[in-house]
Every structure is written in C-alpha cells, then in structure tokens.
Protein backbone atom coordinates (compact mmCIF):
# COMPACT_ATOMS: atom_id res chain seq x y z
CA MET A 1 -6.03 153.26 -78.75
CA ILE A 2 -6.83 149.97 -76.89
CA PRO A 3 -7.19 146.95 -80.14
CA LYS A 4 -10.50 145.08 -79.46
CA GLY A 5 -8.68 142.08 -78.69
CA HIS A 6 -7.28 142.73 -75.71
CA LYS A 7 -10.81 144.50 -75.16
CA ASN A 8 -12.06 141.53 -75.12
CA ASN A 9 -8.80 139.52 -73.28
CA PHE A 10 -10.24 142.15 -70.22
CA GLU A 11 -13.67 141.46 -69.98
CA THR A 12 -13.01 137.11 -70.27
CA LEU A 13 -10.83 138.75 -67.37
CA LYS A 14 -12.87 140.61 -65.23
CA GLN A 15 -16.13 137.69 -65.55
CA ALA A 16 -13.30 135.02 -64.54
CA VAL A 17 -12.66 136.91 -61.32
CA ALA A 18 -16.15 137.41 -61.02
CA ASN A 19 -17.05 134.10 -61.14
CA GLY A 20 -14.08 132.44 -59.31
CA ASP A 21 -12.41 130.67 -62.41
CA LEU A 22 -8.71 132.49 -62.23
CA ALA A 23 -5.94 131.04 -61.93
CA LEU A 24 -2.31 132.14 -61.53
CA MET A 25 -0.08 129.68 -63.04
CA GLU A 26 3.96 129.33 -64.03
CA CYS A 27 4.28 128.88 -67.93
CA GLN A 28 7.55 128.98 -70.15
CA SER A 29 8.32 132.06 -72.17
CA SER A 30 8.24 130.40 -75.60
CA ALA A 31 10.64 132.78 -76.75
CA THR A 32 13.02 132.15 -73.83
CA GLY A 33 12.56 128.85 -72.02
CA LYS A 34 12.82 131.13 -69.02
CA PRO A 35 9.31 130.71 -66.61
CA VAL A 36 6.58 133.48 -66.78
CA MET A 37 3.99 134.22 -64.04
CA VAL A 38 1.01 134.03 -66.39
CA LEU A 39 -3.53 134.90 -65.03
CA CYS A 40 -5.43 132.03 -67.07
CA ALA A 41 -8.68 132.06 -67.23
CA VAL A 42 -10.22 128.49 -66.07
CA ASN A 43 -13.23 127.26 -68.53
CA ARG A 44 -15.05 124.31 -67.01
CA SER A 45 -16.48 121.27 -68.71
CA ARG A 46 -17.89 118.81 -66.75
CA ASP A 47 -15.04 116.64 -65.87
CA GLU A 48 -11.89 118.69 -67.51
CA PHE A 49 -10.84 122.19 -67.51
CA GLU A 50 -8.86 124.22 -69.98
CA PHE A 51 -6.92 127.32 -69.21
CA VAL A 52 -6.78 129.99 -71.41
CA PRO A 53 -4.20 132.84 -70.90
CA VAL A 54 -5.52 136.14 -70.37
CA ALA A 55 -2.50 138.46 -69.05
CA LYS A 56 1.71 137.81 -68.38
CA LEU A 57 2.79 139.37 -64.77
CA PHE A 58 5.55 141.69 -64.50
CA ASP A 59 8.96 139.78 -63.58
CA GLY A 60 10.20 143.62 -62.69
CA ASN A 61 9.03 146.69 -61.28
CA PRO A 62 6.28 147.86 -63.66
CA TYR A 63 6.99 151.02 -63.18
CA ASP A 64 10.25 150.48 -64.00
CA GLU A 65 9.32 148.68 -67.66
CA VAL A 66 6.27 151.24 -68.52
CA ILE A 67 5.29 155.02 -69.44
CA PRO A 68 1.60 155.42 -67.63
CA PRO A 69 -0.58 157.20 -70.52
CA THR A 70 -0.80 160.97 -69.95
CA GLY A 71 -3.70 163.10 -71.18
CA ASN A 72 -7.07 162.11 -72.52
CA ALA A 73 -7.87 157.94 -72.41
CA ALA A 74 -9.46 156.65 -75.49
C-alpha cells in the first residue's frame, strides 16, 4: 500500500510538471554529506521562489537497487 504522503507528493510532482514548475537540483545528503540529485517543485510567489523537494534520483542502476512489485498493485 502506498502511503498517503507519497501519493500527495506524486500529485504535487505531476502538477509541477504540467505547469513547468520542476527543477533538478544538486543537494547534499543530511546523512552522508554527499551530493544527491533531487527533483523539486517550484513555488512562485511574486519575485521569490521556493524549491520543495519531492523525489531523490538513484545514483546507480535502479534495477540493481529495487525489486519491482509483482501481482496486483493497490
């Protein structure tokens, strides 16, 4: 089962893509201090921008890092 917070982030991501308000940013991992690539939704308010992280990209081959679901998805 997909948690509600993840579903909400997915909807935010879809809306950001539809509006052209998506940014790819290099951030720093709070756990390791190493660079991580993050997809951010861009909130625009007048002349200010807020970047809201919604997804982190894989560093390696995602097929090596995750096992896809099998059977019926919820």
